[in-house]
Amino acid sequence: MMQFEWQKSLVIFQNVNLESYSNIGILKIFKKMSKTNAKNRKKLMNPHTTGKKSFALVRNKLEKDKETVSSKDIFVGTRTRKPGRSYKASNEDTTSKIAEMEQIEKQISINGEYVDAFSSVMGPEHPGRLRLYGAGVTKTTLKKKLAIGNQL
């Protein structure tokens, strides 16, 4: 839900008396928004399985375990289910992409050249966006953070 839609729904919800029948139109708006959101979630090809946990927390946890964390490691960490849990829908696309990334990494270790396995499977980044960093992170904010970290 975009920020404007969220603010609009909050204003509507604050003014709703749920026990009043005169607000049936407002409840229809919420039902329509719910259907739209459900439809959009079904369009996701590789949904993450982290729930409320932010990608920054996942990245920090992986950085504590490993010296360097690649985009592939983040992708696998955020798409892999806990043992005993299964996907509601098919996850064949996600598992095939993970397998393809691992195959590319094996070839890299044999050849000795560096190729980003994540970018080669998932395609190039969209302008002004960074995948696997969470909402609101851009290349500019990441560069500023790294510059501040290097100064300390």
C-alpha atoms as a PDB file:
ATOM      1  CA  MET A   1       0.000   0.000   0.000  1.00  0.00           C
ATOM      2  CA  MET A   2       1.485   3.335  -0.975  1.00  0.00           C
ATOM      3  CA  GLN A   3       1.982   5.997   1.689  1.00  0.00           C
ATOM      4  CA  PHE A   4      -0.874   8.169   0.412  1.00  0.00           C
ATOM      5  CA  GLU A   5      -3.280   5.216   0.400  1.00  0.00           C
ATOM      6  CA  TRP A   6      -2.234   4.302   3.940  1.00  0.00           C
ATOM      7  CA  GLN A   7      -2.849   7.846   5.181  1.00  0.00           C
ATOM      8  CA  LYS A   8      -6.195   7.976   3.385  1.00  0.00           C
ATOM      9  CA  SER A   9      -7.320   4.692   4.918  1.00  0.00           C
ATOM     10  CA  LEU A  10      -6.195   5.826   8.383  1.00  0.00           C
ATOM     11  CA  VAL A  11      -8.270   9.019   8.112  1.00  0.00           C
ATOM     12  CA  ILE A  12     -11.258   7.017   6.909  1.00  0.00           C
ATOM     13  CA  PHE A  13     -10.871   4.459   9.685  1.00  0.00           C
ATOM     14  CA  GLN A  14     -10.645   7.131  12.405  1.00  0.00           C
ATOM     15  CA  ASN A  15     -13.975   8.583  11.276  1.00  0.00           C
ATOM     16  CA  VAL A  16     -15.797   5.229  11.039  1.00  0.00           C
ATOM     17  CA  ASN A  17     -18.335   4.073  13.572  1.00  0.00           C
ATOM     18  CA  LEU A  18     -18.236   0.361  12.776  1.00  0.00           C
ATOM     19  CA  GLU A  19     -21.561  -0.313  14.445  1.00  0.00           C
ATOM     20  CA  SER A  20     -23.395   2.208  12.308  1.00  0.00           C
ATOM     21  CA  TYR A  21     -25.083   1.014   9.112  1.00  0.00           C
ATOM     22  CA  SER A  22     -24.477   4.383   7.464  1.00  0.00           C
ATOM     23  CA  ASN A  23     -20.804   3.515   7.096  1.00  0.00           C
ATOM     24  CA  ILE A  24     -21.374   0.503   4.855  1.00  0.00           C
ATOM     25  CA  GLY A  25     -19.844   2.440   1.943  1.00  0.00           C
ATOM     26  CA  ILE A  26     -16.622   2.937   3.881  1.00  0.00           C
ATOM     27  CA  LEU A  27     -16.477  -0.768   4.701  1.00  0.00           C
ATOM     28  CA  LYS A  28     -16.849  -1.481   0.983  1.00  0.00           C
ATOM     29  CA  ILE A  29     -13.790   0.705   0.357  1.00  0.00           C
ATOM     30  CA  PHE A  30     -11.762  -1.380   2.815  1.00  0.00           C
ATOM     31  CA  LYS A  31     -12.969  -4.631   1.252  1.00  0.00           C
ATOM     32  CA  LYS A  32     -12.010  -3.346  -2.198  1.00  0.00           C
ATOM     33  CA  MET A  33      -8.552  -2.344  -0.934  1.00  0.00           C
ATOM     34  CA  SER A  34      -8.163  -5.780   0.669  1.00  0.00           C
ATOM     35  CA  LYS A  35      -9.044  -7.559  -2.591  1.00  0.00           C
ATOM     36  CA  THR A  36      -6.627  -5.353  -4.535  1.00  0.00           C
ATOM     37  CA  ASN A  37      -3.808  -6.045  -2.067  1.00  0.00           C
ATOM     38  CA  ALA A  38      -4.487  -9.803  -2.149  1.00  0.00           C
ATOM     39  CA  LYS A  39      -4.432  -9.770  -5.957  1.00  0.00           C
ATOM     40  CA  ASN A  40      -1.127  -7.856  -5.977  1.00  0.00           C
ATOM     41  CA  ARG A  41       0.454 -10.272  -3.470  1.00  0.00           C
ATOM     42  CA  LYS A  42      -0.430 -13.201  -5.750  1.00  0.00           C
ATOM     43  CA  LYS A  43       1.477 -11.519  -8.601  1.00  0.00           C
ATOM     44  CA  LEU A  44       4.759 -11.687  -6.656  1.00  0.00           C
ATOM     45  CA  MET A  45       7.092 -14.174  -8.297  1.00  0.00           C
ATOM     46  CA  ASN A  46       9.595 -14.635  -5.447  1.00  0.00           C
ATOM     47  CA  PRO A  47       7.941 -13.494  -2.199  1.00  0.00           C
ATOM     48  CA  HIS A  48      10.162 -13.235   0.865  1.00  0.00           C
ATOM     49  CA  THR A  49       9.498 -15.298   3.966  1.00  0.00           C
ATOM     50  CA  THR A  50      10.867 -12.957   6.623  1.00  0.00           C
ATOM     51  CA  GLY A  51       7.509 -11.618   7.762  1.00  0.00           C
ATOM     52  CA  LYS A  52       7.887  -8.461   9.844  1.00  0.00           C
ATOM     53  CA  LYS A  53      11.656  -8.850  10.187  1.00  0.00           C
ATOM     54  CA  SER A  54      13.437  -6.208   8.133  1.00  0.00           C
ATOM     55  CA  PHE A  55      16.033  -7.016   5.513  1.00  0.00           C
ATOM     56  CA  ALA A  56      18.525  -4.929   7.499  1.00  0.00           C
ATOM     57  CA  LEU A  57      18.191  -7.331  10.450  1.00  0.00           C
ATOM     58  CA  VAL A  58      18.634 -10.326   8.154  1.00  0.00           C
ATOM     59  CA  ARG A  59      21.702  -8.694   6.587  1.00  0.00           C
ATOM     60  CA  ASN A  60      23.227  -7.893  10.018  1.00  0.00           C
ATOM     61  CA  LYS A  61      22.681 -11.470  11.220  1.00  0.00           C
ATOM     62  CA  LEU A  62      24.351 -12.888   8.107  1.00  0.00           C
ATOM     63  CA  GLU A  63      27.259 -10.411   8.431  1.00  0.00           C
ATOM     64  CA  LYS A  64      27.913 -11.663  11.968  1.00  0.00           C
ATOM     65  CA  ASP A  65      28.147 -15.232  10.660  1.00  0.00           C
ATOM     66  CA  LYS A  66      30.138 -14.495   7.478  1.00  0.00           C
ATOM     67  CA  GLU A  67      32.871 -12.046   6.626  1.00  0.00           C
ATOM     68  CA  THR A  68      31.302 -10.948   3.329  1.00  0.00           C
ATOM     69  CA  VAL A  69      27.648 -11.289   2.423  1.00  0.00           C
ATOM     70  CA  SER A  70      26.611 -11.416  -1.223  1.00  0.00           C
ATOM     71  CA  SER A  71      23.232 -10.556  -2.715  1.00  0.00           C
ATOM     72  CA  LYS A  72      22.735 -14.264  -3.326  1.00  0.00           C
ATOM     73  CA  ASP A  73      23.163 -14.975   0.410  1.00  0.00           C
ATOM     74  CA  ILE A  74      20.525 -12.378   1.269  1.00  0.00           C
ATOM     75  CA  PHE A  75      18.155 -13.734  -1.389  1.00  0.00           C
ATOM     76  CA  VAL A  76      18.510 -17.287  -0.095  1.00  0.00           C
ATOM     77  CA  GLY A  77      18.184 -16.153   3.527  1.00  0.00           C
ATOM     78  CA  THR A  78      14.989 -14.234   2.876  1.00  0.00           C
ATOM     79  CA  ARG A  79      13.363 -16.863   0.623  1.00  0.00           C
ATOM     80  CA  THR A  80      14.102 -20.074   2.496  1.00  0.00           C
ATOM     81  CA  ARG A  81      11.414 -21.454   4.780  1.00  0.00           C
ATOM     82  CA  LYS A  82      12.103 -22.761   8.265  1.00  0.00           C
ATOM     83  CA  PRO A  83      12.367 -26.571   8.537  1.00  0.00           C
ATOM     84  CA  GLY A  84       8.931 -28.148   8.666  1.00  0.00           C
ATOM     85  CA  ARG A  85       7.222 -25.178   6.998  1.00  0.00           C
ATOM     86  CA  SER A  86       6.003 -25.285   3.427  1.00  0.00           C
ATOM     87  CA  TYR A  87       4.857 -22.691   0.934  1.00  0.00           C
ATOM     88  CA  LYS A  88       1.127 -22.122   0.428  1.00  0.00           C
ATOM     89  CA  ALA A  89       1.691 -21.802  -3.294  1.00  0.00           C
ATOM     90  CA  SER A  90       4.324 -23.287  -5.548  1.00  0.00           C
ATOM     91  CA  ASN A  91       7.860 -22.014  -5.045  1.00  0.00           C
ATOM     92  CA  GLU A  92       9.410 -23.695  -8.068  1.00  0.00           C
ATOM     93  CA  ASP A  93      10.529 -20.374  -9.566  1.00  0.00           C
ATOM     94  CA  THR A  94      12.334 -19.354  -6.377  1.00  0.00           C
ATOM     95  CA  THR A  95      14.053 -22.699  -5.874  1.00  0.00           C
ATOM     96  CA  SER A  96      15.137 -22.842  -9.516  1.00  0.00           C
ATOM     97  CA  LYS A  97      16.653 -19.354  -9.267  1.00  0.00           C
ATOM     98  CA  ILE A  98      18.494 -20.286  -6.063  1.00  0.00           C
ATOM     99  CA  ALA A  99      19.873 -23.425  -7.766  1.00  0.00           C
ATOM    100  CA  GLU A 100      20.937 -21.370 -10.792  1.00  0.00           C
ATOM    101  CA  MET A 101      22.748 -18.856  -8.543  1.00  0.00           C
ATOM    102  CA  GLU A 102      24.579 -21.670  -6.738  1.00  0.00           C
ATOM    103  CA  GLN A 103      25.608 -23.173 -10.077  1.00  0.00           C
ATOM    104  CA  ILE A 104      26.991 -19.811 -11.226  1.00  0.00           C
ATOM    105  CA  GLU A 105      28.918 -19.439  -7.951  1.00  0.00           C
ATOM    106  CA  LYS A 106      30.487 -22.886  -8.461  1.00  0.00           C
ATOM    107  CA  GLN A 107      31.599 -21.865 -11.961  1.00  0.00           C
ATOM    108  CA  ILE A 108      33.057 -18.643 -10.574  1.00  0.00           C
ATOM    109  CA  SER A 109      35.126 -20.530  -8.008  1.00  0.00           C
ATOM    110  CA  ILE A 110      36.503 -22.773 -10.776  1.00  0.00           C
ATOM    111  CA  ASN A 111      37.268 -19.940 -13.229  1.00  0.00           C
ATOM    112  CA  GLY A 112      38.440 -17.448 -10.598  1.00  0.00           C
ATOM    113  CA  GLU A 113      36.607 -14.472 -12.127  1.00  0.00           C
ATOM    114  CA  TYR A 114      34.037 -12.403 -10.244  1.00  0.00           C
ATOM    115  CA  VAL A 115      30.446 -12.376 -11.489  1.00  0.00           C
ATOM    116  CA  ASP A 116      27.503 -11.400  -9.297  1.00  0.00           C
ATOM    117  CA  ALA A 117      25.344 -14.531  -9.338  1.00  0.00           C
ATOM    118  CA  PHE A 118      22.263 -12.638  -8.145  1.00  0.00           C
ATOM    119  CA  SER A 119      22.445 -10.009 -10.904  1.00  0.00           C
ATOM    120  CA  SER A 120      23.106 -12.567 -13.606  1.00  0.00           C
ATOM    121  CA  VAL A 121      19.966 -14.550 -12.642  1.00  0.00           C
ATOM    122  CA  MET A 122      17.595 -11.771 -11.586  1.00  0.00           C
ATOM    123  CA  GLY A 123      18.691  -9.151 -14.123  1.00  0.00           C
ATOM    124  CA  PRO A 124      20.030  -5.634 -13.653  1.00  0.00           C
ATOM    125  CA  GLU A 125      18.835  -3.274 -10.927  1.00  0.00           C
ATOM    126  CA  HIS A 126      16.105  -0.804 -11.713  1.00  0.00           C
ATOM    127  CA  PRO A 127      17.323   2.825 -11.809  1.00  0.00           C
ATOM    128  CA  GLY A 128      17.385   4.419  -8.363  1.00  0.00           C
ATOM    129  CA  ARG A 129      16.514   1.200  -6.504  1.00  0.00           C
ATOM    130  CA  LEU A 130      18.366  -1.487  -4.608  1.00  0.00           C
ATOM    131  CA  ARG A 131      17.012  -4.963  -4.147  1.00  0.00           C
ATOM    132  CA  LEU A 132      17.451  -6.907  -0.906  1.00  0.00           C
ATOM    133  CA  TYR A 133      18.067  -3.831   1.260  1.00  0.00           C
ATOM    134  CA  GLY A 134      14.458  -3.180   2.288  1.00  0.00           C
ATOM    135  CA  ALA A 135      12.092  -0.294   1.687  1.00  0.00           C
ATOM    136  CA  GLY A 136      13.473   3.200   1.219  1.00  0.00           C
ATOM    137  CA  VAL A 137      17.130   2.323   0.637  1.00  0.00           C
ATOM    138  CA  THR A 138      18.660   3.918  -2.445  1.00  0.00           C
ATOM    139  CA  LYS A 139      22.180   3.904  -3.845  1.00  0.00           C
ATOM    140  CA  THR A 140      22.679   7.442  -2.556  1.00  0.00           C
ATOM    141  CA  THR A 141      21.667   6.656   1.035  1.00  0.00           C
ATOM    142  CA  LEU A 142      23.813   3.525   0.998  1.00  0.00           C
ATOM    143  CA  LYS A 143      26.859   5.469  -0.231  1.00  0.00           C
ATOM    144  CA  LYS A 144      26.332   8.091   2.499  1.00  0.00           C
ATOM    145  CA  LYS A 145      26.104   5.398   5.164  1.00  0.00           C
ATOM    146  CA  LEU A 146      29.267   3.699   3.919  1.00  0.00           C
ATOM    147  CA  ALA A 147      31.106   7.047   3.827  1.00  0.00           C
ATOM    148  CA  ILE A 148      30.118   7.804   7.418  1.00  0.00           C
ATOM    149  CA  GLY A 149      31.128   4.298   8.507  1.00  0.00           C
ATOM    150  CA  ASN A 150      34.544   4.673   6.875  1.00  0.00           C
ATOM    151  CA  GLN A 151      35.170   7.985   8.674  1.00  0.00           C
ATOM    152  CA  LEU A 152      34.709   6.403  12.099  1.00  0.00           C
END
